[in-house]
Structures are given as C-alpha cells and as structure tokens.
C-alpha atoms as a PDB file:
ATOM      1  CA  UNK A   1      78.350 -12.592 165.892  1.00  0.00           C
ATOM      2  CA  UNK A   2      75.106 -14.386 167.498  1.00  0.00           C
ATOM      3  CA  UNK A   3      76.403 -13.714 170.796  1.00  0.00           C
ATOM      4  CA  UNK A   4      76.486  -9.961 170.097  1.00  0.00           C
ATOM      5  CA  UNK A   5      73.188  -9.920 168.613  1.00  0.00           C
ATOM      6  CA  UNK A   6      71.853 -11.654 171.859  1.00  0.00           C
ATOM      7  CA  UNK A   7      73.414  -9.242 174.147  1.00  0.00           C
ATOM      8  CA  UNK A   8      72.116  -6.386 172.120  1.00  0.00           C
ATOM      9  CA  UNK A   9      68.612  -7.794 172.326  1.00  0.00           C
ATOM     10  CA  UNK A  10      68.972  -8.226 176.180  1.00  0.00           C
ATOM     11  CA  UNK A  11      70.267  -4.725 176.688  1.00  0.00           C
ATOM     12  CA  UNK A  12      67.228  -3.673 174.754  1.00  0.00           C
ATOM     13  CA  UNK A  13      65.036  -5.656 177.275  1.00  0.00           C
ATOM     14  CA  UNK A  14      66.642  -4.464 180.219  1.00  0.00           C
ATOM     15  CA  UNK A  15      66.329  -0.770 179.197  1.00  0.00           C
ATOM     16  CA  UNK A  16      62.507  -1.277 178.410  1.00  0.00           C
ATOM     17  CA  UNK A  17      62.175  -2.835 181.689  1.00  0.00           C
ATOM     18  CA  UNK A  18      63.809   0.007 183.473  1.00  0.00           C
ATOM     19  CA  UNK A  19      61.756   2.458 181.677  1.00  0.00           C
ATOM     20  CA  UNK A  20      58.580   0.759 182.654  1.00  0.00           C
ATOM     21  CA  UNK A  21      59.691   0.501 186.123  1.00  0.00           C
ATOM     22  CA  UNK A  22      60.456   4.311 186.325  1.00  0.00           C
ATOM     23  CA  UNK A  23      57.128   4.993 184.687  1.00  0.00           C
ATOM     24  CA  UNK A  24      55.315   3.100 187.492  1.00  0.00           C
ATOM     25  CA  UNK A  25      57.123   4.750 190.129  1.00  0.00           C
ATOM     26  CA  UNK A  26      55.996   8.336 188.752  1.00  0.00           C
ATOM     27  CA  UNK A  27      52.459   7.184 188.380  1.00  0.00           C
ATOM     28  CA  UNK A  28      52.642   6.129 192.118  1.00  0.00           C
ATOM     29  CA  UNK A  29      54.030   9.368 193.098  1.00  0.00           C
ATOM     30  CA  UNK A  30      51.720  11.467 191.177  1.00  0.00           C
ATOM     31  CA  UNK A  31      53.800  13.438 189.296  1.00  0.00           C
ATOM     32  CA  UNK A  32      52.901  11.884 186.070  1.00  0.00           C
ATOM     33  CA  UNK A  33      49.251  12.925 186.499  1.00  0.00           C
ATOM     34  CA  UNK A  34      50.137  16.500 187.593  1.00  0.00           C
ATOM     35  CA  UNK A  35      49.021  18.386 184.652  1.00  0.00           C
ATOM     36  CA  UNK A  36      45.896  16.390 184.367  1.00  0.00           C
ATOM     37  CA  UNK A  37      45.069  17.026 188.123  1.00  0.00           C
ATOM     38  CA  UNK A  38      45.767  20.466 187.779  1.00  0.00           C
ATOM     39  CA  UNK A  39      43.294  20.482 184.855  1.00  0.00           C
ATOM     40  CA  UNK A  40      40.920  18.640 186.699  1.00  0.00           C
ATOM     41  CA  UNK A  41      41.364  21.306 189.732  1.00  0.00           C
ATOM     42  CA  UNK A  42      40.774  24.211 187.390  1.00  0.00           C
ATOM     43  CA  UNK A  43      37.674  22.782 186.119  1.00  0.00           C
ATOM     44  CA  UNK A  44      36.303  22.242 189.695  1.00  0.00           C
ATOM     45  CA  UNK A  45      37.332  25.761 190.285  1.00  0.00           C
ATOM     46  CA  UNK A  46      35.271  26.893 187.285  1.00  0.00           C
ATOM     47  CA  UNK A  47      32.260  24.822 188.415  1.00  0.00           C
ATOM     48  CA  UNK A  48      32.482  26.371 191.816  1.00  0.00           C
ATOM     49  CA  UNK A  49      32.465  30.015 190.437  1.00  0.00           C
ATOM     50  CA  UNK A  50      29.603  29.175 187.907  1.00  0.00           C
ATOM     51  CA  UNK A  51      27.610  27.643 190.971  1.00  0.00           C
ATOM     52  CA  UNK A  52      28.450  30.645 193.196  1.00  0.00           C
ATOM     53  CA  UNK A  53      27.392  33.073 190.339  1.00  0.00           C
ATOM     54  CA  UNK A  54      24.166  31.216 189.973  1.00  0.00           C
ATOM     55  CA  UNK A  55      23.710  31.160 193.701  1.00  0.00           C
ATOM     56  CA  UNK A  56      24.403  34.930 193.816  1.00  0.00           C
ATOM     57  CA  UNK A  57      21.943  35.702 190.852  1.00  0.00           C
ATOM     58  CA  UNK A  58      19.176  33.635 192.453  1.00  0.00           C
ATOM     59  CA  UNK A  59      19.593  35.513 195.891  1.00  0.00           C
ATOM     60  CA  UNK A  60      19.108  38.872 194.059  1.00  0.00           C
ATOM     61  CA  UNK A  61      16.044  37.714 192.060  1.00  0.00           C
ATOM     62  CA  UNK A  62      14.704  36.201 195.174  1.00  0.00           C
ATOM     63  CA  UNK A  63      15.291  39.429 197.283  1.00  0.00           C
ATOM     64  CA  UNK A  64      13.634  41.473 194.513  1.00  0.00           C
ATOM     65  CA  UNK A  65      10.631  39.427 194.251  1.00  0.00           C
ATOM     66  CA  UNK A  66      10.034  39.089 198.305  1.00  0.00           C
ATOM     67  CA  UNK A  67      10.146  43.133 198.652  1.00  0.00           C
ATOM     68  CA  UNK A  68       6.410  44.363 198.461  1.00  0.00           C
ATOM     69  CA  UNK A  69       5.205  47.533 198.135  1.00  0.00           C
ATOM     70  CA  UNK A  70       3.874  47.677 201.619  1.00  0.00           C
ATOM     71  CA  UNK A  71       7.346  47.038 202.786  1.00  0.00           C
ATOM     72  CA  UNK A  72       8.681  49.836 200.775  1.00  0.00           C
ATOM     73  CA  UNK A  73       6.174  52.230 202.068  1.00  0.00           C
ATOM     74  CA  UNK A  74       7.129  51.157 205.741  1.00  0.00           C
ATOM     75  CA  UNK A  75      10.683  52.096 204.775  1.00  0.00           C
ATOM     76  CA  UNK A  76       9.223  55.718 203.688  1.00  0.00           C
ATOM     77  CA  UNK A  77       7.555  56.193 206.704  1.00  0.00           C
ATOM     78  CA  UNK A  78      10.768  55.360 208.653  1.00  0.00           C
ATOM     79  CA  UNK A  79      12.767  57.956 206.585  1.00  0.00           C
ATOM     80  CA  UNK A  80       9.921  60.627 207.292  1.00  0.00           C
ATOM     81  CA  UNK A  81      10.110  60.030 210.842  1.00  0.00           C
ATOM     82  CA  UNK A  82      13.375  62.027 210.847  1.00  0.00           C
ATOM     83  CA  UNK A  83      11.378  65.279 209.916  1.00  0.00           C
ATOM     84  CA  UNK A  84       9.649  66.907 212.934  1.00  0.00           C
ATOM     85  CA  UNK A  85       9.067  70.402 211.045  1.00  0.00           C
ATOM     86  CA  UNK A  86       5.438  70.362 210.022  1.00  0.00           C
ATOM     87  CA  UNK A  87       6.601  72.733 207.174  1.00  0.00           C
ATOM     88  CA  UNK A  88       8.568  70.065 205.520  1.00  0.00           C
ATOM     89  CA  UNK A  89       6.078  68.369 203.197  1.00  0.00           C
ATOM     90  CA  UNK A  90       6.159  65.095 201.281  1.00  0.00           C
ATOM     91  CA  UNK A  91       4.521  63.142 198.449  1.00  0.00           C
ATOM     92  CA  UNK A  92       4.492  59.774 197.137  1.00  0.00           C
ATOM     93  CA  UNK A  93       4.002  58.679 193.413  1.00  0.00           C
ATOM     94  CA  UNK A  94       5.258  56.089 191.104  1.00  0.00           C
ATOM     95  CA  UNK A  95       6.719  58.266 188.495  1.00  0.00           C
ATOM     96  CA  UNK A  96       7.841  55.461 185.749  1.00  0.00           C
ATOM     97  CA  UNK A  97       5.280  52.994 186.371  1.00  0.00           C
ATOM     98  CA  UNK A  98       7.473  50.199 187.484  1.00  0.00           C
ATOM     99  CA  UNK A  99       5.290  49.497 190.648  1.00  0.00           C
ATOM    100  CA  UNK A 100       7.998  51.017 192.967  1.00  0.00           C
ATOM    101  CA  UNK A 101       6.690  54.470 194.246  1.00  0.00           C
ATOM    102  CA  UNK A 102       8.982  57.327 194.584  1.00  0.00           C
ATOM    103  CA  UNK A 103       9.108  59.552 197.729  1.00  0.00           C
ATOM    104  CA  UNK A 104       9.204  63.258 197.292  1.00  0.00           C
ATOM    105  CA  UNK A 105      10.391  65.511 200.233  1.00  0.00           C
ATOM    106  CA  UNK A 106       9.817  69.250 199.985  1.00  0.00           C
ATOM    107  CA  UNK A 107      12.177  71.407 202.144  1.00  0.00           C
ATOM    108  CA  UNK A 108      12.495  75.363 202.008  1.00  0.00           C
ATOM    109  CA  UNK A 109      15.522  77.352 203.230  1.00  0.00           C
ATOM    110  CA  UNK A 110      17.694  80.128 202.367  1.00  0.00           C
ATOM    111  CA  UNK A 111      20.846  80.227 200.473  1.00  0.00           C
ATOM    112  CA  UNK A 112      22.259  84.039 200.851  1.00  0.00           C
ATOM    113  CA  UNK A 113      19.293  86.178 200.127  1.00  0.00           C
ATOM    114  CA  UNK A 114      17.538  83.614 197.993  1.00  0.00           C
ATOM    115  CA  UNK A 115      14.791  81.814 199.431  1.00  0.00           C
ATOM    116  CA  UNK A 116      14.668  78.391 197.889  1.00  0.00           C
ATOM    117  CA  UNK A 117      12.435  75.262 197.783  1.00  0.00           C
ATOM    118  CA  UNK A 118      14.105  72.100 197.196  1.00  0.00           C
ATOM    119  CA  UNK A 119      12.229  68.958 196.377  1.00  0.00           C
ATOM    120  CA  UNK A 120      14.405  65.685 196.872  1.00  0.00           C
ATOM    121  CA  UNK A 121      13.241  62.489 195.200  1.00  0.00           C
ATOM    122  CA  UNK A 122      13.955  59.014 196.525  1.00  0.00           C
ATOM    123  CA  UNK A 123      13.204  55.532 195.365  1.00  0.00           C
ATOM    124  CA  UNK A 124      13.796  51.997 196.537  1.00  0.00           C
ATOM    125  CA  UNK A 125      16.733  50.558 194.823  1.00  0.00           C
ATOM    126  CA  UNK A 126      18.410  47.136 195.851  1.00  0.00           C
ATOM    127  CA  UNK A 127      21.208  47.814 193.662  1.00  0.00           C
ATOM    128  CA  UNK A 128      22.671  50.145 196.247  1.00  0.00           C
ATOM    129  CA  UNK A 129      23.762  49.667 199.861  1.00  0.00           C
ATOM    130  CA  UNK A 130      24.060  46.820 202.131  1.00  0.00           C
ATOM    131  CA  UNK A 131      21.302  47.446 204.464  1.00  0.00           C
ATOM    132  CA  UNK A 132      17.513  48.196 203.964  1.00  0.00           C
ATOM    133  CA  UNK A 133      17.664  51.697 205.146  1.00  0.00           C
ATOM    134  CA  UNK A 134      20.717  52.350 202.578  1.00  0.00           C
ATOM    135  CA  UNK A 135      18.291  51.129 199.710  1.00  0.00           C
ATOM    136  CA  UNK A 136      16.277  54.437 199.976  1.00  0.00           C
ATOM    137  CA  UNK A 137      18.429  56.320 197.618  1.00  0.00           C
ATOM    138  CA  UNK A 138      18.203  60.149 196.431  1.00  0.00           C
ATOM    139  CA  UNK A 139      17.874  59.828 192.643  1.00  0.00           C
ATOM    140  CA  UNK A 140      17.570  63.648 191.919  1.00  0.00           C
ATOM    141  CA  UNK A 141      16.015  67.203 193.008  1.00  0.00           C
ATOM    142  CA  UNK A 142      14.196  69.668 191.626  1.00  0.00           C
ATOM    143  CA  UNK A 143      14.990  73.397 192.895  1.00  0.00           C
ATOM    144  CA  UNK A 144      13.222  76.773 192.744  1.00  0.00           C
ATOM    145  CA  UNK A 145      11.978  79.665 194.946  1.00  0.00           C
ATOM    146  CA  UNK A 146       9.465  79.576 197.612  1.00  0.00           C
ATOM    147  CA  UNK A 147       7.663  82.444 196.400  1.00  0.00           C
ATOM    148  CA  UNK A 148       7.161  80.968 192.687  1.00  0.00           C
ATOM    149  CA  UNK A 149       3.952  78.831 192.188  1.00  0.00           C
ATOM    150  CA  UNK A 150       5.430  75.328 191.657  1.00  0.00           C
ATOM    151  CA  UNK A 151       3.106  72.542 190.679  1.00  0.00           C
ATOM    152  CA  UNK A 152       4.163  68.694 190.159  1.00  0.00           C
ATOM    153  CA  UNK A 153       2.147  66.380 187.633  1.00  0.00           C
ATOM    154  CA  UNK A 154       2.670  62.836 187.075  1.00  0.00           C
ATOM    155  CA  UNK A 155       2.209  62.140 183.226  1.00  0.00           C
ATOM    156  CA  UNK A 156       0.856  58.714 181.980  1.00  0.00           C
ATOM    157  CA  UNK A 157       3.975  58.268 179.852  1.00  0.00           C
ATOM    158  CA  UNK A 158       6.164  57.773 182.878  1.00  0.00           C
ATOM    159  CA  UNK A 159       7.578  61.311 183.124  1.00  0.00           C
ATOM    160  CA  UNK A 160       7.171  63.997 185.757  1.00  0.00           C
ATOM    161  CA  UNK A 161       6.088  67.606 184.877  1.00  0.00           C
ATOM    162  CA  UNK A 162       7.122  70.431 187.083  1.00  0.00           C
ATOM    163  CA  UNK A 163       5.370  73.647 186.366  1.00  0.00           C
ATOM    164  CA  UNK A 164       6.713  76.973 187.740  1.00  0.00           C
ATOM    165  CA  UNK A 165       4.598  79.846 187.378  1.00  0.00           C
ATOM    166  CA  UNK A 166       5.069  83.589 188.397  1.00  0.00           C
ATOM    167  CA  UNK A 167       3.749  86.964 187.390  1.00  0.00           C
ATOM    168  CA  UNK A 168       2.229  85.518 184.105  1.00  0.00           C
ATOM    169  CA  UNK A 169       5.108  83.508 183.104  1.00  0.00           C
ATOM    170  CA  UNK A 170       5.313  79.764 182.953  1.00  0.00           C
ATOM    171  CA  UNK A 171       8.237  77.361 183.138  1.00  0.00           C
ATOM    172  CA  UNK A 172       7.964  73.587 182.287  1.00  0.00           C
ATOM    173  CA  UNK A 173      10.239  71.053 182.834  1.00  0.00           C
ATOM    174  CA  UNK A 174       9.759  67.328 182.049  1.00  0.00           C
ATOM    175  CA  UNK A 175      11.707  64.798 183.812  1.00  0.00           C
ATOM    176  CA  UNK A 176      12.349  60.968 183.408  1.00  0.00           C
ATOM    177  CA  UNK A 177      14.201  58.289 185.251  1.00  0.00           C
ATOM    178  CA  UNK A 178      17.070  57.347 183.195  1.00  0.00           C
ATOM    179  CA  UNK A 179      19.935  54.811 184.653  1.00  0.00           C
ATOM    180  CA  UNK A 180      18.423  55.522 188.299  1.00  0.00           C
ATOM    181  CA  UNK A 181      19.061  59.179 188.086  1.00  0.00           C
ATOM    182  CA  UNK A 182      16.154  61.886 187.513  1.00  0.00           C
ATOM    183  CA  UNK A 183      16.843  63.586 184.098  1.00  0.00           C
ATOM    184  CA  UNK A 184      15.451  66.744 182.637  1.00  0.00           C
ATOM    185  CA  UNK A 185      14.271  65.787 179.318  1.00  0.00           C
ATOM    186  CA  UNK A 186      12.559  69.212 178.034  1.00  0.00           C
ATOM    187  CA  UNK A 187      12.060  72.659 179.113  1.00  0.00           C
ATOM    188  CA  UNK A 188       9.883  75.413 177.748  1.00  0.00           C
ATOM    189  CA  UNK A 189       9.191  78.913 179.151  1.00  0.00           C
ATOM    190  CA  UNK A 190       6.454  81.025 177.811  1.00  0.00           C
ATOM    191  CA  UNK A 191       3.915  83.861 178.828  1.00  0.00           C
ATOM    192  CA  UNK A 192       0.440  82.463 179.698  1.00  0.00           C
ATOM    193  CA  UNK A 193      -2.779  83.162 181.321  1.00  0.00           C
ATOM    194  CA  UNK A 194      -3.396  79.696 182.585  1.00  0.00           C
ATOM    195  CA  UNK A 195      -1.250  77.001 183.675  1.00  0.00           C
ATOM    196  CA  UNK A 196      -0.786  73.789 181.904  1.00  0.00           C
ATOM    197  CA  UNK A 197      -2.585  70.906 183.452  1.00  0.00           C
ATOM    198  CA  UNK A 198      -0.879  67.739 183.625  1.00  0.00           C
ATOM    199  CA  UNK A 199      -2.227  64.105 183.756  1.00  0.00           C
ATOM    200  CA  UNK A 200      -2.246  64.024 187.577  1.00  0.00           C
ATOM    201  CA  UNK A 201      -1.487  66.639 190.060  1.00  0.00           C
ATOM    202  CA  UNK A 202       0.714  65.494 192.736  1.00  0.00           C
ATOM    203  CA  UNK A 203      -0.607  66.476 196.443  1.00  0.00           C
ATOM    204  CA  UNK A 204       1.844  67.212 199.265  1.00  0.00           C
ATOM    205  CA  UNK A 205       1.396  66.910 202.875  1.00  0.00           C
ATOM    206  CA  UNK A 206       3.316  67.622 206.180  1.00  0.00           C
ATOM    207  CA  UNK A 207       5.918  64.837 206.892  1.00  0.00           C
ATOM    208  CA  UNK A 208       4.087  64.274 210.080  1.00  0.00           C
ATOM    209  CA  UNK A 209       0.741  63.427 208.519  1.00  0.00           C
ATOM    210  CA  UNK A 210       1.261  59.926 206.910  1.00  0.00           C
ATOM    211  CA  UNK A 211      -1.991  59.504 205.267  1.00  0.00           C
ATOM    212  CA  UNK A 212      -0.671  59.724 201.872  1.00  0.00           C
ATOM    213  CA  UNK A 213       1.308  56.637 202.541  1.00  0.00           C
ATOM    214  CA  UNK A 214      -1.424  54.961 204.697  1.00  0.00           C
ATOM    215  CA  UNK A 215      -3.623  55.455 201.876  1.00  0.00           C
ATOM    216  CA  UNK A 216      -1.489  54.681 198.954  1.00  0.00           C
ATOM    217  CA  UNK A 217      -2.647  51.718 196.548  1.00  0.00           C
END
C-alpha cells in the first residue's frame, strides 16, 4: 500500500516537473507573451497616433500664426496680376472683422441679351488647398446688371450690404460669412428717393492699380 502511495507521489512530481519545463520552453519562445506583446504594440501604436495628431495640430496652429496680413495681400496681388483688362475692378475689405481681408473682383459681361455685372469675393483659407495659391478661395458672388447703380457697404456688425438702385427703386441685400461661405441673410425692396448709406462704402479700382492693397492697413 505504501509503495503504491509513493509511486503516486512520484508520478505527480514528474508531471509537475514536465509542466514547469514546458512553461519555461514556451516563455523562451515568446509564445506565452504573445497576447501581452500585442497589447503593448497596440498601446505603442495608439501613442504614435496621438503623437502624430498633436504634431499635425501644432503644425496647423503654427502655419496660421505665421501667415501675416502682408503675406495675404501679396497673394492677392499675384491673383490680380492675371487681370490685364482695366475695366476689371477690385476692392479689399475685411467683412467679418477676423483680421483676414477679403478680395472683391468686379467683372462685367453678357449672358444672352443681359448685360451682367458680377462681383466675386475671395478670402484666404488654409483649410483648403495644398499650395499657397490654392488658399485663395472663392466664397461667393453677387450678380446684377451693369446698367444698375450698385454700391457695397461694409457694416460694423461684420456684414456686407449691397444696394442696387434703378429708376427710383432700391434693393438692399445683407450678407454674412457663415461656414466659410457668403450667405444672404436679409433682402428688402422699396421705392425711395435716397439710397441708404451704410457704415463704410467700399471703393473699387482697376485691377492694374494696386494702390488699395498697398495702402491697406
């Protein structure tokens, strides 16, 4: 009976030794650490992604902070150099008071029998494009007829007022920049003897005359 018990104990000890040896071998091959290594790798990947995000955000912030108003004006000069017709006019004004001026380009033409006057408005936006020239983006336009009397006003509340008058009538449209686009927020039409005067009348000059940009503050 005693021999049987001894044999059972020896068998258990041998089994334990075999299990320990197997564990040591598995640890040596790295298989037993596979799950933990995967977790560590995932953690490393997440840390890398977070680092990359921080780096990207910092780059955007740095890029915005290094672009000065004078640089934006130089980009506008380059765009205006594409227009050689003295009848094409421009103006420059900061519509929404964000310290980034907007560029107005006034062009006349014909569509069928209609003689139209189109004012396209551009701004500097680093969220669009891959090159500096691509950052000058069209945010909207205001169209009318060349034989109408159109005047633009910059309002103190950060809006743009367009007044179109003809034969005793006056059309007033208010615009604001919303989500990087020019949006008309109000419109009114009435008969009047006098045109409504805005806060600041926007002056236009020929695109070949860069004095508005050179004197802009």
